[in-house]
Structure formats: structure tokens, C-alpha cells
PDB file of N, CA and C in Angstrom:
ATOM      1  N   MET A   1       1.133  -1.373   0.120  1.00  0.00           N
ATOM      2  CA  MET A   1      -0.011   0.208   0.375  1.00  0.00           C
ATOM      3  C   MET A   1       0.767   1.504  -0.027  1.00  0.00           C
ATOM      4  N   ALA A   2       1.846   1.127  -0.134  1.00  0.00           N
ATOM      5  CA  ALA A   2       3.293   2.361  -0.427  1.00  0.00           C
ATOM      6  C   ALA A   2       2.441   3.026  -1.090  1.00  0.00           C
ATOM      7  N   LEU A   3       1.697   3.083  -2.206  1.00  0.00           N
ATOM      8  CA  LEU A   3       1.905   4.113  -3.619  1.00  0.00           C
ATOM      9  C   LEU A   3       0.256   4.634  -3.149  1.00  0.00           C
ATOM     10  N   VAL A   4      -0.191   4.636  -1.746  1.00  0.00           N
ATOM     11  CA  VAL A   4      -1.657   5.784  -1.482  1.00  0.00           C
ATOM     12  C   VAL A   4      -0.767   6.898  -1.148  1.00  0.00           C
ATOM     13  N   GLU A   5       0.060   6.475  -0.641  1.00  0.00           N
ATOM     14  CA  GLU A   5       0.937   8.236  -0.134  1.00  0.00           C
ATOM     15  C   GLU A   5       1.587   8.427  -1.101  1.00  0.00           C
ATOM     16  N   GLU A   6       2.241   7.865  -2.204  1.00  0.00           N
ATOM     17  CA  GLU A   6       2.928   8.488  -3.031  1.00  0.00           C
ATOM     18  C   GLU A   6       2.282   9.190  -3.892  1.00  0.00           C
ATOM     19  N   ILE A   7       0.874   9.054  -4.328  1.00  0.00           N
ATOM     20  CA  ILE A   7      -0.321   9.644  -5.260  1.00  0.00           C
ATOM     21  C   ILE A   7      -1.563  10.250  -4.460  1.00  0.00           C
ATOM     22  N   LYS A   8      -1.566  11.529  -4.581  1.00  0.00           N
ATOM     23  CA  LYS A   8      -2.352  12.206  -3.862  1.00  0.00           C
ATOM     24  C   LYS A   8      -3.556  13.830  -4.935  1.00  0.00           C
ATOM     25  N   ARG A   9      -4.085  14.589  -4.687  1.00  0.00           N
ATOM     26  CA  ARG A   9      -5.036  14.874  -5.743  1.00  0.00           C
ATOM     27  C   ARG A   9      -4.051  16.522  -5.990  1.00  0.00           C
ATOM     28  N   GLY A  10      -4.355  16.002  -8.117  1.00  0.00           N
ATOM     29  CA  GLY A  10      -3.273  17.060  -8.551  1.00  0.00           C
ATOM     30  C   GLY A  10      -1.896  16.500  -9.341  1.00  0.00           C
ATOM     31  N   GLN A  11      -1.647  14.912  -8.836  1.00  0.00           N
ATOM     32  CA  GLN A  11      -0.586  14.547  -8.696  1.00  0.00           C
ATOM     33  C   GLN A  11      -1.212  14.248 -10.598  1.00  0.00           C
ATOM     34  N   VAL A  12      -0.179  13.981 -11.393  1.00  0.00           N
ATOM     35  CA  VAL A  12      -0.147  13.430 -12.986  1.00  0.00           C
ATOM     36  C   VAL A  12       0.530  12.353 -13.138  1.00  0.00           C
ATOM     37  N   VAL A  13      -0.518  11.258 -13.635  1.00  0.00           N
ATOM     38  CA  VAL A  13       0.564   9.914 -13.664  1.00  0.00           C
ATOM     39  C   VAL A  13      -0.156   9.389 -14.789  1.00  0.00           C
ATOM     40  N   ARG A  14       0.536   8.904 -15.706  1.00  0.00           N
ATOM     41  CA  ARG A  14       0.311   7.913 -16.834  1.00  0.00           C
ATOM     42  C   ARG A  14       0.406   6.388 -16.788  1.00  0.00           C
ATOM     43  N   SER A  15      -1.056   6.427 -17.568  1.00  0.00           N
ATOM     44  CA  SER A  15      -1.711   4.598 -17.591  1.00  0.00           C
ATOM     45  C   SER A  15      -0.627   3.573 -17.462  1.00  0.00           C
ATOM     46  N   LEU A  16      -1.301   2.580 -16.700  1.00  0.00           N
ATOM     47  CA  LEU A  16      -0.694   1.241 -17.086  1.00  0.00           C
ATOM     48  C   LEU A  16      -1.636  -0.025 -18.339  1.00  0.00           C
ATOM     49  N   ALA A  17      -2.409   0.502 -17.621  1.00  0.00           N
ATOM     50  CA  ALA A  17      -3.465  -0.795 -18.164  1.00  0.00           C
ATOM     51  C   ALA A  17      -4.990   0.417 -18.307  1.00  0.00           C
ATOM     52  N   GLY A  18      -4.984  -0.114 -19.824  1.00  0.00           N
ATOM     53  CA  GLY A  18      -6.487   0.277 -20.365  1.00  0.00           C
ATOM     54  C   GLY A  18      -6.914   0.494 -21.369  1.00  0.00           C
ATOM     55  N   HIS A  19      -7.602   0.799 -21.596  1.00  0.00           N
ATOM     56  CA  HIS A  19      -7.994   1.006 -22.978  1.00  0.00           C
ATOM     57  C   HIS A  19      -7.137   2.458 -23.280  1.00  0.00           C
ATOM     58  N   ASP A  20      -6.478   3.518 -22.524  1.00  0.00           N
ATOM     59  CA  ASP A  20      -6.163   4.820 -22.591  1.00  0.00           C
ATOM     60  C   ASP A  20      -4.521   4.563 -21.501  1.00  0.00           C
ATOM     61  N   LYS A  21      -3.841   3.324 -22.401  1.00  0.00           N
ATOM     62  CA  LYS A  21      -2.590   2.505 -22.002  1.00  0.00           C
ATOM     63  C   LYS A  21      -1.655   4.391 -22.377  1.00  0.00           C
ATOM     64  N   GLY A  22      -0.527   4.435 -21.024  1.00  0.00           N
ATOM     65  CA  GLY A  22       0.400   5.378 -21.629  1.00  0.00           C
ATOM     66  C   GLY A  22      -0.314   6.939 -21.429  1.00  0.00           C
ATOM     67  N   ASP A  23      -1.677   6.784 -21.795  1.00  0.00           N
ATOM     68  CA  ASP A  23      -2.293   8.241 -21.525  1.00  0.00           C
ATOM     69  C   ASP A  23      -1.827   9.462 -20.121  1.00  0.00           C
ATOM     70  N   PHE A  24      -1.700  10.571 -20.223  1.00  0.00           N
ATOM     71  CA  PHE A  24      -1.282  10.763 -18.929  1.00  0.00           C
ATOM     72  C   PHE A  24      -2.225  11.881 -18.385  1.00  0.00           C
ATOM     73  N   GLN A  25      -3.131  11.277 -17.323  1.00  0.00           N
ATOM     74  CA  GLN A  25      -3.617  11.842 -16.419  1.00  0.00           C
ATOM     75  C   GLN A  25      -4.017  13.000 -14.510  1.00  0.00           C
ATOM     76  N   THR A  26      -4.794  12.920 -14.918  1.00  0.00           N
ATOM     77  CA  THR A  26      -4.593  13.274 -13.455  1.00  0.00           C
ATOM     78  C   THR A  26      -5.505  13.559 -12.133  1.00  0.00           C
ATOM     79  N   VAL A  27      -4.778  12.706 -11.304  1.00  0.00           N
ATOM     80  CA  VAL A  27      -6.113  12.284 -10.061  1.00  0.00           C
ATOM     81  C   VAL A  27      -6.512  13.562  -9.338  1.00  0.00           C
ATOM     82  N   LEU A  28      -7.708  13.196  -8.822  1.00  0.00           N
ATOM     83  CA  LEU A  28      -8.897  13.927  -9.471  1.00  0.00           C
ATOM     84  C   LEU A  28      -9.659  14.212  -7.232  1.00  0.00           C
ATOM     85  N   GLU A  29      -8.773  12.299  -7.446  1.00  0.00           N
ATOM     86  CA  GLU A  29      -9.435  12.095  -5.820  1.00  0.00           C
ATOM     87  C   GLU A  29      -8.817  10.196  -5.166  1.00  0.00           C
ATOM     88  N   VAL A  30      -8.499  10.692  -4.523  1.00  0.00           N
ATOM     89  CA  VAL A  30      -8.072   9.345  -4.218  1.00  0.00           C
ATOM     90  C   VAL A  30      -9.136   8.202  -3.162  1.00  0.00           C
ATOM     91  N   LEU A  31      -9.567   6.430  -3.322  1.00  0.00           N
ATOM     92  CA  LEU A  31     -10.010   5.917  -2.677  1.00  0.00           C
ATOM     93  C   LEU A  31      -9.765   4.649  -2.719  1.00  0.00           C
ATOM     94  N   PRO A  32      -8.203   4.178  -1.735  1.00  0.00           N
ATOM     95  CA  PRO A  32      -7.710   3.207  -1.774  1.00  0.00           C
ATOM     96  C   PRO A  32      -9.260   2.000  -2.447  1.00  0.00           C
ATOM     97  N   PRO A  33      -8.719   1.214  -3.303  1.00  0.00           N
ATOM     98  CA  PRO A  33      -7.249   0.857  -4.119  1.00  0.00           C
ATOM     99  C   PRO A  33      -8.102   1.419  -5.286  1.00  0.00           C
ATOM    100  N   TYR A  34      -8.294   2.662  -5.205  1.00  0.00           N
ATOM    101  CA  TYR A  34      -8.623   2.690  -6.541  1.00  0.00           C
ATOM    102  C   TYR A  34      -9.047   4.669  -6.823  1.00  0.00           C
ATOM    103  N   ALA A  35      -8.349   5.895  -7.933  1.00  0.00           N
ATOM    104  CA  ALA A  35      -8.270   6.481  -8.172  1.00  0.00           C
ATOM    105  C   ALA A  35      -8.548   7.595  -8.799  1.00  0.00           C
ATOM    106  N   LEU A  36      -9.376   8.511  -8.452  1.00  0.00           N
ATOM    107  CA  LEU A  36     -10.312   9.425  -9.557  1.00  0.00           C
ATOM    108  C   LEU A  36      -9.809   9.479 -10.468  1.00  0.00           C
ATOM    109  N   VAL A  37      -9.346   9.881 -11.990  1.00  0.00           N
ATOM    110  CA  VAL A  37      -9.119  10.904 -12.484  1.00  0.00           C
ATOM    111  C   VAL A  37      -9.257  11.038 -14.199  1.00  0.00           C
ATOM    112  N   CYS A  38      -8.793  12.404 -14.704  1.00  0.00           N
ATOM    113  CA  CYS A  38      -9.167  12.418 -16.065  1.00  0.00           C
ATOM    114  C   CYS A  38      -8.287  13.486 -16.858  1.00  0.00           C
ATOM    115  N   ASP A  39      -8.389  13.786 -18.408  1.00  0.00           N
ATOM    116  CA  ASP A  39      -7.798  14.085 -18.513  1.00  0.00           C
ATOM    117  C   ASP A  39      -8.553  15.451 -19.348  1.00  0.00           C
ATOM    118  N   GLY A  40      -9.192  15.423 -18.833  1.00  0.00           N
ATOM    119  CA  GLY A  40     -10.086  16.529 -19.341  1.00  0.00           C
ATOM    120  C   GLY A  40     -10.794  16.579 -20.842  1.00  0.00           C
ATOM    121  N   LYS A  41     -10.945  16.496 -21.515  1.00  0.00           N
ATOM    122  CA  LYS A  41     -10.756  15.497 -22.675  1.00  0.00           C
ATOM    123  C   LYS A  41     -11.643  14.489 -23.398  1.00  0.00           C
ATOM    124  N   ARG A  42     -11.403  12.954 -22.834  1.00  0.00           N
ATOM    125  CA  ARG A  42     -12.095  11.519 -23.078  1.00  0.00           C
ATOM    126  C   ARG A  42     -12.805  12.239 -22.347  1.00  0.00           C
ATOM    127  N   ARG A  43     -11.565  12.202 -20.747  1.00  0.00           N
ATOM    128  CA  ARG A  43     -12.383  11.622 -19.974  1.00  0.00           C
ATOM    129  C   ARG A  43     -12.625  13.401 -18.920  1.00  0.00           C
ATOM    130  N   PRO A  44     -13.838  13.827 -18.801  1.00  0.00           N
ATOM    131  CA  PRO A  44     -13.545  15.113 -18.946  1.00  0.00           C
ATOM    132  C   PRO A  44     -13.947  14.947 -17.258  1.00  0.00           C
ATOM    133  N   LEU A  45     -14.599  16.568 -16.152  1.00  0.00           N
ATOM    134  CA  LEU A  45     -14.254  16.530 -14.573  1.00  0.00           C
ATOM    135  C   LEU A  45     -15.673  15.651 -14.839  1.00  0.00           C
ATOM    136  N   LEU A  46     -16.726  16.596 -15.106  1.00  0.00           N
ATOM    137  CA  LEU A  46     -18.052  15.756 -14.801  1.00  0.00           C
ATOM    138  C   LEU A  46     -18.336  14.151 -14.921  1.00  0.00           C
ATOM    139  N   ARG A  47     -17.506  13.288 -15.623  1.00  0.00           N
ATOM    140  CA  ARG A  47     -17.365  11.709 -16.389  1.00  0.00           C
ATOM    141  C   ARG A  47     -15.767  11.069 -15.169  1.00  0.00           C
ATOM    142  N   PRO A  48     -14.927  11.225 -15.131  1.00  0.00           N
ATOM    143  CA  PRO A  48     -13.436  10.799 -14.475  1.00  0.00           C
ATOM    144  C   PRO A  48     -13.973   8.932 -14.655  1.00  0.00           C
ATOM    145  N   LYS A  49     -12.873   8.882 -14.856  1.00  0.00           N
ATOM    146  CA  LYS A  49     -12.653   7.309 -14.689  1.00  0.00           C
ATOM    147  C   LYS A  49     -11.746   6.786 -13.328  1.00  0.00           C
ATOM    148  N   ARG A  50     -12.729   5.871 -13.566  1.00  0.00           N
ATOM    149  CA  ARG A  50     -11.926   5.299 -12.257  1.00  0.00           C
ATOM    150  C   ARG A  50     -11.092   3.941 -12.014  1.00  0.00           C
ATOM    151  N   LYS A  51      -9.341   4.466 -12.117  1.00  0.00           N
ATOM    152  CA  LYS A  51      -9.168   3.528 -11.865  1.00  0.00           C
ATOM    153  C   LYS A  51      -7.506   2.510 -11.008  1.00  0.00           C
ATOM    154  N   LYS A  52      -7.297   1.192 -10.664  1.00  0.00           N
ATOM    155  CA  LYS A  52      -6.359   0.622  -9.851  1.00  0.00           C
ATOM    156  C   LYS A  52      -5.375   1.732  -9.975  1.00  0.00           C
ATOM    157  N   LEU A  53      -4.930   2.021  -8.099  1.00  0.00           N
ATOM    158  CA  LEU A  53      -4.115   2.806  -8.275  1.00  0.00           C
ATOM    159  C   LEU A  53      -2.608   2.081  -8.454  1.00  0.00           C
ATOM    160  N   SER A  54      -3.053   0.400  -8.499  1.00  0.00           N
ATOM    161  CA  SER A  54      -1.462   0.216  -9.382  1.00  0.00           C
ATOM    162  C   SER A  54      -1.382  -0.308 -11.001  1.00  0.00           C
ATOM    163  N   HIS A  55      -2.369   0.466 -11.167  1.00  0.00           N
ATOM    164  CA  HIS A  55      -2.103   0.541 -12.899  1.00  0.00           C
ATOM    165  C   HIS A  55      -2.246   1.513 -13.571  1.00  0.00           C
ATOM    166  N   LEU A  56      -1.531   2.952 -12.403  1.00  0.00           N
ATOM    167  CA  LEU A  56      -1.241   4.079 -12.900  1.00  0.00           C
ATOM    168  C   LEU A  56       0.112   4.571 -12.125  1.00  0.00           C
ATOM    169  N   ALA A  57       0.770   4.984 -12.922  1.00  0.00           N
ATOM    170  CA  ALA A  57       2.536   5.302 -12.352  1.00  0.00           C
ATOM    171  C   ALA A  57       2.793   6.897 -12.179  1.00  0.00           C
ATOM    172  N   PRO A  58       2.641   6.547 -10.917  1.00  0.00           N
ATOM    173  CA  PRO A  58       2.737   8.546 -11.192  1.00  0.00           C
ATOM    174  C   PRO A  58       4.231   9.470 -11.398  1.00  0.00           C
ATOM    175  N   THR A  59       4.019  10.248 -11.611  1.00  0.00           N
ATOM    176  CA  THR A  59       4.496  11.578 -11.827  1.00  0.00           C
ATOM    177  C   THR A  59       4.965  12.358 -10.875  1.00  0.00           C
ATOM    178  N   ALA A  60       5.770  13.101 -10.453  1.00  0.00           N
ATOM    179  CA  ALA A  60       6.716  13.364  -9.854  1.00  0.00           C
ATOM    180  C   ALA A  60       6.415  15.005  -9.782  1.00  0.00           C
ATOM    181  N   THR A  61       5.362  15.436 -10.863  1.00  0.00           N
ATOM    182  CA  THR A  61       4.433  16.800 -11.179  1.00  0.00           C
ATOM    183  C   THR A  61       3.234  16.782 -10.015  1.00  0.00           C
ATOM    184  N   VAL A  62       2.704  17.395  -9.493  1.00  0.00           N
ATOM    185  CA  VAL A  62       1.384  17.770  -8.823  1.00  0.00           C
ATOM    186  C   VAL A  62       0.729  18.627  -9.139  1.00  0.00           C
ATOM    187  N   LEU A  63       0.166  18.977  -9.939  1.00  0.00           N
ATOM    188  CA  LEU A  63      -0.220  19.956 -10.215  1.00  0.00           C
ATOM    189  C   LEU A  63      -1.158  20.987  -9.150  1.00  0.00           C
ATOM    190  N   PRO A  64      -1.357  22.120  -9.720  1.00  0.00           N
ATOM    191  CA  PRO A  64      -1.566  23.135  -8.484  1.00  0.00           C
ATOM    192  C   PRO A  64      -3.228  23.375  -8.019  1.00  0.00           C
ATOM    193  N   GLU A  65      -3.628  23.378  -7.446  1.00  0.00           N
ATOM    194  CA  GLU A  65      -5.650  23.328  -6.785  1.00  0.00           C
ATOM    195  C   GLU A  65      -5.948  24.607  -8.444  1.00  0.00           C
ATOM    196  N   GLU A  66      -5.527  25.115  -8.733  1.00  0.00           N
ATOM    197  CA  GLU A  66      -6.339  25.458  -8.989  1.00  0.00           C
ATOM    198  C   GLU A  66      -5.880  25.743 -10.545  1.00  0.00           C
ATOM    199  N   SER A  67      -4.818  24.222 -11.290  1.00  0.00           N
ATOM    200  CA  SER A  67      -5.144  24.060 -12.195  1.00  0.00           C
ATOM    201  C   SER A  67      -6.817  22.908 -13.398  1.00  0.00           C
ATOM    202  N   LEU A  68      -7.305  22.759 -11.483  1.00  0.00           N
ATOM    203  CA  LEU A  68      -7.811  21.288 -11.766  1.00  0.00           C
ATOM    204  C   LEU A  68      -9.366  21.808 -11.890  1.00  0.00           C
ATOM    205  N   LYS A  69     -10.346  22.930 -12.501  1.00  0.00           N
ATOM    206  CA  LYS A  69     -11.370  23.675 -12.271  1.00  0.00           C
ATOM    207  C   LYS A  69     -12.217  23.787 -14.033  1.00  0.00           C
ATOM    208  N   THR A  70     -11.211  23.112 -14.106  1.00  0.00           N
ATOM    209  CA  THR A  70     -11.957  23.280 -15.606  1.00  0.00           C
ATOM    210  C   THR A  70     -10.946  22.012 -16.177  1.00  0.00           C
ATOM    211  N   ASN A  71     -11.676  21.965 -17.740  1.00  0.00           N
ATOM    212  CA  ASN A  71     -10.827  20.827 -17.973  1.00  0.00           C
ATOM    213  C   ASN A  71     -10.338  21.749 -19.128  1.00  0.00           C
ATOM    214  N   ARG A  72     -10.425  22.773 -19.319  1.00  0.00           N
ATOM    215  CA  ARG A  72      -9.569  23.468 -20.631  1.00  0.00           C
ATOM    216  C   ARG A  72      -8.095  23.239 -19.834  1.00  0.00           C
ATOM    217  N   GLN A  73      -8.187  23.851 -18.485  1.00  0.00           N
ATOM    218  CA  GLN A  73      -6.826  24.029 -17.541  1.00  0.00           C
ATOM    219  C   GLN A  73      -6.289  22.844 -17.625  1.00  0.00           C
ATOM    220  N   ILE A  74      -6.740  21.920 -17.694  1.00  0.00           N
ATOM    221  CA  ILE A  74      -6.221  20.052 -16.798  1.00  0.00           C
ATOM    222  C   ILE A  74      -5.436  19.603 -18.451  1.00  0.00           C
ATOM    223  N   ARG A  75      -6.651  20.284 -19.172  1.00  0.00           N
ATOM    224  CA  ARG A  75      -6.025  19.985 -20.729  1.00  0.00           C
ATOM    225  C   ARG A  75      -4.142  21.333 -21.711  1.00  0.00           C
ATOM    226  N   SER A  76      -4.731  21.773 -20.620  1.00  0.00           N
ATOM    227  CA  SER A  76      -3.768  22.726 -20.962  1.00  0.00           C
ATOM    228  C   SER A  76      -2.429  22.401 -19.881  1.00  0.00           C
ATOM    229  N   ALA A  77      -2.150  22.064 -19.001  1.00  0.00           N
ATOM    230  CA  ALA A  77      -1.867  21.186 -17.825  1.00  0.00           C
ATOM    231  C   ALA A  77      -0.686  19.927 -18.149  1.00  0.00           C
ATOM    232  N   LEU A  78      -1.696  18.882 -19.135  1.00  0.00           N
ATOM    233  CA  LEU A  78      -1.121  17.841 -19.062  1.00  0.00           C
ATOM    234  C   LEU A  78      -0.069  18.055 -20.804  1.00  0.00           C
ATOM    235  N   ARG A  79      -0.535  18.947 -21.400  1.00  0.00           N
ATOM    236  CA  ARG A  79      -0.089  18.918 -23.180  1.00  0.00           C
ATOM    237  C   ARG A  79       1.042  18.472 -22.711  1.00  0.00           C
ATOM    238  N   PRO A  80       2.233  19.623 -21.852  1.00  0.00           N
ATOM    239  CA  PRO A  80       3.744  19.037 -22.486  1.00  0.00           C
ATOM    240  C   PRO A  80       3.998  17.368 -21.730  1.00  0.00           C
ATOM    241  N   PHE A  81       2.944  16.574 -21.030  1.00  0.00           N
ATOM    242  CA  PHE A  81       3.591  15.894 -20.719  1.00  0.00           C
ATOM    243  C   PHE A  81       3.087  14.654 -21.925  1.00  0.00           C
ATOM    244  N   ARG A  82       2.506  15.171 -22.819  1.00  0.00           N
ATOM    245  CA  ARG A  82       1.691  13.888 -23.733  1.00  0.00           C
ATOM    246  C   ARG A  82       2.432  14.631 -25.588  1.00  0.00           C
ATOM    247  N   GLU A  83       3.013  15.786 -25.194  1.00  0.00           N
ATOM    248  CA  GLU A  83       4.064  16.278 -26.715  1.00  0.00           C
ATOM    249  C   GLU A  83       5.750  15.280 -26.054  1.00  0.00           C
ATOM    250  N   GLN A  84       5.465  15.428 -24.610  1.00  0.00           N
ATOM    251  CA  GLN A  84       7.399  15.457 -24.556  1.00  0.00           C
ATOM    252  C   GLN A  84       7.166  13.085 -24.570  1.00  0.00           C
ATOM    253  N   ALA A  85       5.988  12.660 -24.957  1.00  0.00           N
ATOM    254  CA  ALA A  85       5.445  11.514 -25.077  1.00  0.00           C
ATOM    255  C   ALA A  85       6.292  11.027 -25.977  1.00  0.00           C
ATOM    256  N   GLN A  86       5.307  12.157 -26.709  1.00  0.00           N
ATOM    257  CA  GLN A  86       5.149  11.467 -28.730  1.00  0.00           C
ATOM    258  C   GLN A  86       7.002  11.527 -29.349  1.00  0.00           C
ATOM    259  N   ARG A  87       7.483  12.391 -28.551  1.00  0.00           N
ATOM    260  CA  ARG A  87       9.095  12.503 -28.992  1.00  0.00           C
ATOM    261  C   ARG A  87       9.892  11.326 -28.769  1.00  0.00           C
TER     262      ARG A  87
END
């Protein structure tokens, strides 16, 4: 259960399993053994995805609370991660 301490609200994570494998998302809420994640596009704030914590790879980045208010802000905060992954 060490992952629970690592993953917190606002953290940028990469999906390790499922249809969204390899995609970057941000954590909205941690409800062990799950986390609610969204990316602002396929998974907007009003329809977050419930993912198992073991299927998420946390990054060192935690988005500030003001970046989690709208889907547009979330998309723009995650854009550098997507661009880096495409290179």
C-alpha cells in the first residue's frame, strides 16, 4: 500500500493498463484501492475514470489546485507531458 502515500490529488499519472494505456491524466481523488482520474478531454471533470492504483505510474509533478477547476486548464497542464511522450 505504499502507492497510496505517493499518489495524491492533482498529481500527474500515466496509465499502465486499459484502453487509455500510456495516456497522462491527473488525479482528482484517491479512494484506495482506486483513484479518480481525468484528462479534460476523453475523461472530463464531470465523468472521471476510476482506475486501480496499481495501474497508475505517478510522476513527480503535482498540479496546483487552481489548475484543476476546468477541463481546459487540465488539458493545457497535461499538454507538455503528451508532447514529451510523442518524441
